[in-house]
PDB file of N, CA and C in Angstrom:
ATOM      1  N   MET A   1       0.825  -1.184   0.000  1.00  0.00           N
ATOM      2  CA  MET A   1       0.000   0.000   0.000  1.00  0.00           C
ATOM      3  C   MET A   1       0.873   1.253   0.000  1.00  0.00           C
ATOM      4  N   ALA A   2       1.942   1.212   0.787  1.00  0.00           N
ATOM      5  CA  ALA A   2       2.821   2.379   0.845  1.00  0.00           C
ATOM      6  C   ALA A   2       3.449   2.647  -0.518  1.00  0.00           C
ATOM      7  N   MET A   3       3.846   1.586  -1.211  1.00  0.00           N
ATOM      8  CA  MET A   3       4.456   1.740  -2.527  1.00  0.00           C
ATOM      9  C   MET A   3       3.439   2.313  -3.522  1.00  0.00           C
ATOM     10  N   ILE A   4       2.233   1.796  -3.496  1.00  0.00           N
ATOM     11  CA  ILE A   4       1.187   2.291  -4.399  1.00  0.00           C
ATOM     12  C   ILE A   4       0.896   3.751  -4.094  1.00  0.00           C
ATOM     13  N   SER A   5       0.821   4.085  -2.813  1.00  0.00           N
ATOM     14  CA  SER A   5       0.572   5.463  -2.412  1.00  0.00           C
ATOM     15  C   SER A   5       1.670   6.390  -2.925  1.00  0.00           C
ATOM     16  N   GLY A   6       2.915   5.962  -2.734  1.00  0.00           N
ATOM     17  CA  GLY A   6       4.044   6.778  -3.179  1.00  0.00           C
ATOM     18  C   GLY A   6       4.086   6.965  -4.684  1.00  0.00           C
ATOM     19  N   GLU A   7       3.795   5.913  -5.417  1.00  0.00           N
ATOM     20  CA  GLU A   7       3.842   5.971  -6.874  1.00  0.00           C
ATOM     21  C   GLU A   7       2.664   6.724  -7.479  1.00  0.00           C
ATOM     22  N   SER A   8       1.504   6.622  -6.839  1.00  0.00           N
ATOM     23  CA  SER A   8       0.306   7.224  -7.418  1.00  0.00           C
ATOM     24  C   SER A   8      -0.021   8.603  -6.868  1.00  0.00           C
ATOM     25  N   GLY A   9       0.512   8.898  -5.678  1.00  0.00           N
ATOM     26  CA  GLY A   9       0.176  10.168  -5.037  1.00  0.00           C
ATOM     27  C   GLY A   9      -1.154  10.123  -4.291  1.00  0.00           C
ATOM     28  N   ILE A  10      -1.770   8.956  -4.234  1.00  0.00           N
ATOM     29  CA  ILE A  10      -3.025   8.788  -3.500  1.00  0.00           C
ATOM     30  C   ILE A  10      -2.686   8.551  -2.036  1.00  0.00           C
ATOM     31  N   LEU A  11      -3.366   9.265  -1.150  1.00  0.00           N
ATOM     32  CA  LEU A  11      -3.104   9.103   0.270  1.00  0.00           C
ATOM     33  C   LEU A  11      -3.329   7.662   0.697  1.00  0.00           C
ATOM     34  N   ILE A  12      -2.442   7.159   1.549  1.00  0.00           N
ATOM     35  CA  ILE A  12      -2.537   5.768   1.982  1.00  0.00           C
ATOM     36  C   ILE A  12      -3.845   5.499   2.716  1.00  0.00           C
ATOM     37  N   CYS A  13      -4.336   6.487   3.451  1.00  0.00           N
ATOM     38  CA  CYS A  13      -5.610   6.275   4.154  1.00  0.00           C
ATOM     39  C   CYS A  13      -6.751   6.090   3.159  1.00  0.00           C
ATOM     40  N   SER A  14      -6.669   6.747   2.005  1.00  0.00           N
ATOM     41  CA  SER A  14      -7.683   6.551   0.960  1.00  0.00           C
ATOM     42  C   SER A  14      -7.617   5.136   0.401  1.00  0.00           C
ATOM     43  N   LEU A  15      -6.406   4.652   0.174  1.00  0.00           N
ATOM     44  CA  LEU A  15      -6.246   3.294  -0.342  1.00  0.00           C
ATOM     45  C   LEU A  15      -6.812   2.269   0.636  1.00  0.00           C
ATOM     46  N   PHE A  16      -6.519   2.447   1.919  1.00  0.00           N
ATOM     47  CA  PHE A  16      -7.048   1.522   2.922  1.00  0.00           C
ATOM     48  C   PHE A  16      -8.574   1.611   2.980  1.00  0.00           C
ATOM     49  N   ALA A  17      -9.118   2.810   2.890  1.00  0.00           N
ATOM     50  CA  ALA A  17     -10.580   2.974   2.935  1.00  0.00           C
ATOM     51  C   ALA A  17     -11.235   2.304   1.735  1.00  0.00           C
ATOM     52  N   TRP A  18     -10.637   2.463   0.566  1.00  0.00           N
ATOM     53  CA  TRP A  18     -11.192   1.828  -0.635  1.00  0.00           C
ATOM     54  C   TRP A  18     -11.145   0.315  -0.500  1.00  0.00           C
ATOM     55  N   ARG A  19     -10.014  -0.205  -0.008  1.00  0.00           N
ATOM     56  CA  ARG A  19      -9.886  -1.650   0.154  1.00  0.00           C
ATOM     57  C   ARG A  19     -10.901  -2.163   1.172  1.00  0.00           C
ATOM     58  N   LYS A  20     -11.062  -1.422   2.259  1.00  0.00           N
ATOM     59  CA  LYS A  20     -12.020  -1.827   3.283  1.00  0.00           C
ATOM     60  C   LYS A  20     -13.438  -1.851   2.710  1.00  0.00           C
ATOM     61  N   SER A  21     -13.781  -0.840   1.936  1.00  0.00           N
ATOM     62  CA  SER A  21     -15.101  -0.768   1.320  1.00  0.00           C
ATOM     63  C   SER A  21     -15.322  -1.962   0.393  1.00  0.00           C
ATOM     64  N   TRP A  22     -14.322  -2.259  -0.393  1.00  0.00           N
ATOM     65  CA  TRP A  22     -14.428  -3.403  -1.302  1.00  0.00           C
ATOM     66  C   TRP A  22     -14.591  -4.694  -0.513  1.00  0.00           C
ATOM     67  N   ARG A  23     -13.804  -4.828   0.539  1.00  0.00           N
ATOM     68  CA  ARG A  23     -13.880  -6.025   1.365  1.00  0.00           C
ATOM     69  C   ARG A  23     -15.273  -6.215   1.940  1.00  0.00           C
ATOM     70  N   LEU A  24     -15.863  -5.127   2.383  1.00  0.00           N
ATOM     71  CA  LEU A  24     -17.201  -5.214   2.964  1.00  0.00           C
ATOM     72  C   LEU A  24     -18.232  -5.645   1.922  1.00  0.00           C
ATOM     73  N   GLU A  25     -18.070  -5.187   0.709  1.00  0.00           N
ATOM     74  CA  GLU A  25     -18.987  -5.580  -0.366  1.00  0.00           C
ATOM     75  C   GLU A  25     -18.804  -7.043  -0.749  1.00  0.00           C
ATOM     76  N   GLU A  26     -17.566  -7.481  -0.803  1.00  0.00           N
ATOM     77  CA  GLU A  26     -17.261  -8.837  -1.252  1.00  0.00           C
ATOM     78  C   GLU A  26     -17.129  -9.832  -0.104  1.00  0.00           C
ATOM     79  N   GLU A  27     -17.137  -9.351   1.112  1.00  0.00           N
ATOM     80  CA  GLU A  27     -17.001 -10.185   2.303  1.00  0.00           C
ATOM     81  C   GLU A  27     -15.735 -11.030   2.275  1.00  0.00           C
ATOM     82  N   VAL A  28     -14.625 -10.425   1.852  1.00  0.00           N
ATOM     83  CA  VAL A  28     -13.349 -11.133   1.815  1.00  0.00           C
ATOM     84  C   VAL A  28     -12.870 -11.409   3.234  1.00  0.00           C
ATOM     85  N   VAL A  29     -13.001 -10.426   4.104  1.00  0.00           N
ATOM     86  CA  VAL A  29     -12.606 -10.552   5.505  1.00  0.00           C
ATOM     87  C   VAL A  29     -13.808 -10.154   6.336  1.00  0.00           C
ATOM     88  N   PRO A  30     -14.108 -10.894   7.376  1.00  0.00           N
ATOM     89  CA  PRO A  30     -15.274 -10.558   8.186  1.00  0.00           C
ATOM     90  C   PRO A  30     -15.222  -9.132   8.713  1.00  0.00           C
ATOM     91  N   THR A  31     -16.380  -8.528   8.867  1.00  0.00           N
ATOM     92  CA  THR A  31     -16.458  -7.176   9.399  1.00  0.00           C
ATOM     93  C   THR A  31     -16.186  -7.191  10.883  1.00  0.00           C
ATOM     94  N   SER A  32     -15.970  -6.020  11.451  1.00  0.00           N
ATOM     95  CA  SER A  32     -15.631  -5.922  12.866  1.00  0.00           C
ATOM     96  C   SER A  32     -16.779  -6.360  13.761  1.00  0.00           C
ATOM     97  N   GLN A  33     -17.990  -6.499  13.222  1.00  0.00           N
ATOM     98  CA  GLN A  33     -19.130  -6.930  14.026  1.00  0.00           C
ATOM     99  C   GLN A  33     -19.037  -8.413  14.379  1.00  0.00           C
ATOM    100  N   LYS A  34     -18.188  -9.118  13.706  1.00  0.00           N
ATOM    101  CA  LYS A  34     -18.064 -10.555  13.919  1.00  0.00           C
ATOM    102  C   LYS A  34     -16.822 -10.825  14.768  1.00  0.00           C
ATOM    103  N   ASP A  35     -16.956 -11.621  15.789  1.00  0.00           N
ATOM    104  CA  ASP A  35     -15.852 -11.971  16.657  1.00  0.00           C
ATOM    105  C   ASP A  35     -14.781 -12.721  15.862  1.00  0.00           C
ATOM    106  N   HIS A  36     -13.517 -12.389  16.115  1.00  0.00           N
ATOM    107  CA  HIS A  36     -12.431 -13.024  15.358  1.00  0.00           C
ATOM    108  C   HIS A  36     -12.411 -14.535  15.559  1.00  0.00           C
ATOM    109  N   GLU A  37     -12.964 -15.027  16.646  1.00  0.00           N
ATOM    110  CA  GLU A  37     -13.014 -16.476  16.872  1.00  0.00           C
ATOM    111  C   GLU A  37     -13.928 -17.168  15.858  1.00  0.00           C
ATOM    112  N   ASP A  38     -14.839 -16.415  15.257  1.00  0.00           N
ATOM    113  CA  ASP A  38     -15.758 -16.986  14.277  1.00  0.00           C
ATOM    114  C   ASP A  38     -15.220 -16.936  12.850  1.00  0.00           C
ATOM    115  N   TRP A  39     -14.066 -16.295  12.659  1.00  0.00           N
ATOM    116  CA  TRP A  39     -13.484 -16.203  11.319  1.00  0.00           C
ATOM    117  C   TRP A  39     -12.998 -17.576  10.879  1.00  0.00           C
ATOM    118  N   SER A  40     -13.041 -17.796   9.582  1.00  0.00           N
ATOM    119  CA  SER A  40     -12.489 -19.045   9.051  1.00  0.00           C
ATOM    120  C   SER A  40     -10.960 -18.950   9.070  1.00  0.00           C
ATOM    121  N   ALA A  41     -10.312 -20.092   9.000  1.00  0.00           N
ATOM    122  CA  ALA A  41      -8.847 -20.122   8.956  1.00  0.00           C
ATOM    123  C   ALA A  41      -8.335 -19.357   7.744  1.00  0.00           C
ATOM    124  N   ALA A  42      -9.047 -19.445   6.628  1.00  0.00           N
ATOM    125  CA  ALA A  42      -8.633 -18.748   5.405  1.00  0.00           C
ATOM    126  C   ALA A  42      -8.677 -17.229   5.602  1.00  0.00           C
ATOM    127  N   ASN A  43      -9.713 -16.719   6.277  1.00  0.00           N
ATOM    128  CA  ASN A  43      -9.809 -15.283   6.522  1.00  0.00           C
ATOM    129  C   ASN A  43      -8.721 -14.819   7.472  1.00  0.00           C
ATOM    130  N   LYS A  44      -8.447 -15.587   8.518  1.00  0.00           N
ATOM    131  CA  LYS A  44      -7.376 -15.220   9.450  1.00  0.00           C
ATOM    132  C   LYS A  44      -6.034 -15.184   8.733  1.00  0.00           C
ATOM    133  N   PHE A  45      -5.775 -16.182   7.905  1.00  0.00           N
ATOM    134  CA  PHE A  45      -4.522 -16.241   7.166  1.00  0.00           C
ATOM    135  C   PHE A  45      -4.406 -15.071   6.198  1.00  0.00           C
ATOM    136  N   SER A  46      -5.505 -14.705   5.564  1.00  0.00           N
ATOM    137  CA  SER A  46      -5.525 -13.570   4.645  1.00  0.00           C
ATOM    138  C   SER A  46      -5.103 -12.286   5.353  1.00  0.00           C
ATOM    139  N   VAL A  47      -5.609 -12.071   6.545  1.00  0.00           N
ATOM    140  CA  VAL A  47      -5.256 -10.870   7.316  1.00  0.00           C
ATOM    141  C   VAL A  47      -3.782 -10.889   7.681  1.00  0.00           C
ATOM    142  N   VAL A  48      -3.270 -12.036   8.091  1.00  0.00           N
ATOM    143  CA  VAL A  48      -1.852 -12.145   8.435  1.00  0.00           C
ATOM    144  C   VAL A  48      -0.983 -11.794   7.232  1.00  0.00           C
ATOM    145  N   LEU A  49      -1.312 -12.340   6.073  1.00  0.00           N
ATOM    146  CA  LEU A  49      -0.531 -12.061   4.866  1.00  0.00           C
ATOM    147  C   LEU A  49      -0.599 -10.586   4.478  1.00  0.00           C
ATOM    148  N   GLU A  50      -1.781  -9.996   4.555  1.00  0.00           N
ATOM    149  CA  GLU A  50      -1.955  -8.612   4.148  1.00  0.00           C
ATOM    150  C   GLU A  50      -1.272  -7.626   5.092  1.00  0.00           C
ATOM    151  N   THR A  51      -1.128  -7.975   6.347  1.00  0.00           N
ATOM    152  CA  THR A  51      -0.576  -7.023   7.315  1.00  0.00           C
ATOM    153  C   THR A  51       0.883  -7.280   7.657  1.00  0.00           C
ATOM    154  N   ALA A  52       1.455  -8.348   7.162  1.00  0.00           N
ATOM    155  CA  ALA A  52       2.819  -8.730   7.533  1.00  0.00           C
ATOM    156  C   ALA A  52       3.846  -7.632   7.266  1.00  0.00           C
ATOM    157  N   GLY A  53       3.719  -6.912   6.186  1.00  0.00           N
ATOM    158  CA  GLY A  53       4.716  -5.905   5.831  1.00  0.00           C
ATOM    159  C   GLY A  53       4.357  -4.480   6.237  1.00  0.00           C
ATOM    160  N   LEU A  54       3.303  -4.302   6.995  1.00  0.00           N
ATOM    161  CA  LEU A  54       2.854  -2.951   7.358  1.00  0.00           C
ATOM    162  C   LEU A  54       3.601  -2.420   8.566  1.00  0.00           C
ATOM    163  N   ASN A  55       3.841  -1.104   8.552  1.00  0.00           N
ATOM    164  CA  ASN A  55       4.390  -0.477   9.747  1.00  0.00           C
ATOM    165  C   ASN A  55       3.226  -0.171  10.695  1.00  0.00           C
ATOM    166  N   ALA A  56       3.507   0.397  11.853  1.00  0.00           N
ATOM    167  CA  ALA A  56       2.477   0.619  12.875  1.00  0.00           C
ATOM    168  C   ALA A  56       1.356   1.533  12.379  1.00  0.00           C
ATOM    169  N   THR A  57       1.689   2.571  11.631  1.00  0.00           N
ATOM    170  CA  THR A  57       0.683   3.502  11.128  1.00  0.00           C
ATOM    171  C   THR A  57      -0.218   2.827  10.108  1.00  0.00           C
ATOM    172  N   GLU A  58       0.373   2.094   9.192  1.00  0.00           N
ATOM    173  CA  GLU A  58      -0.392   1.388   8.176  1.00  0.00           C
ATOM    174  C   GLU A  58      -1.271   0.307   8.809  1.00  0.00           C
ATOM    175  N   PHE A  59      -0.714  -0.400   9.797  1.00  0.00           N
ATOM    176  CA  PHE A  59      -1.481  -1.441  10.466  1.00  0.00           C
ATOM    177  C   PHE A  59      -2.681  -0.843  11.204  1.00  0.00           C
ATOM    178  N   SER A  60      -2.476   0.305  11.821  1.00  0.00           N
ATOM    179  CA  SER A  60      -3.567   0.989  12.509  1.00  0.00           C
ATOM    180  C   SER A  60      -4.660   1.364  11.522  1.00  0.00           C
ATOM    181  N   ALA A  61      -4.294   1.893  10.365  1.00  0.00           N
ATOM    182  CA  ALA A  61      -5.280   2.254   9.338  1.00  0.00           C
ATOM    183  C   ALA A  61      -5.992   1.008   8.826  1.00  0.00           C
ATOM    184  N   TYR A  62      -5.270  -0.082   8.694  1.00  0.00           N
ATOM    185  CA  TYR A  62      -5.857  -1.344   8.231  1.00  0.00           C
ATOM    186  C   TYR A  62      -6.951  -1.810   9.181  1.00  0.00           C
ATOM    187  N   CYS A  63      -6.710  -1.642  10.457  1.00  0.00           N
ATOM    188  CA  CYS A  63      -7.637  -2.150  11.473  1.00  0.00           C
ATOM    189  C   CYS A  63      -8.889  -1.312  11.627  1.00  0.00           C
ATOM    190  N   LEU A  64      -8.930  -0.143  11.043  1.00  0.00           N
ATOM    191  CA  LEU A  64     -10.114   0.715  11.194  1.00  0.00           C
ATOM    192  C   LEU A  64     -11.321   0.144  10.546  1.00  0.00           C
TER     193      LEU A  64
END
């Protein structure tokens, strides 16, 4: 996300918001209304992969 933001000039918070919106429409990752214990193993793994390279600021934006 940071690389895309730097190359495109789009604010990273906008990129995270767009991704979150898409996720909610497609239900790729459960919404915050669902307890993480109810997530499938695939969804948990997806979050781990997506957040592995994020710094603290990016991770915080991801979690919103």
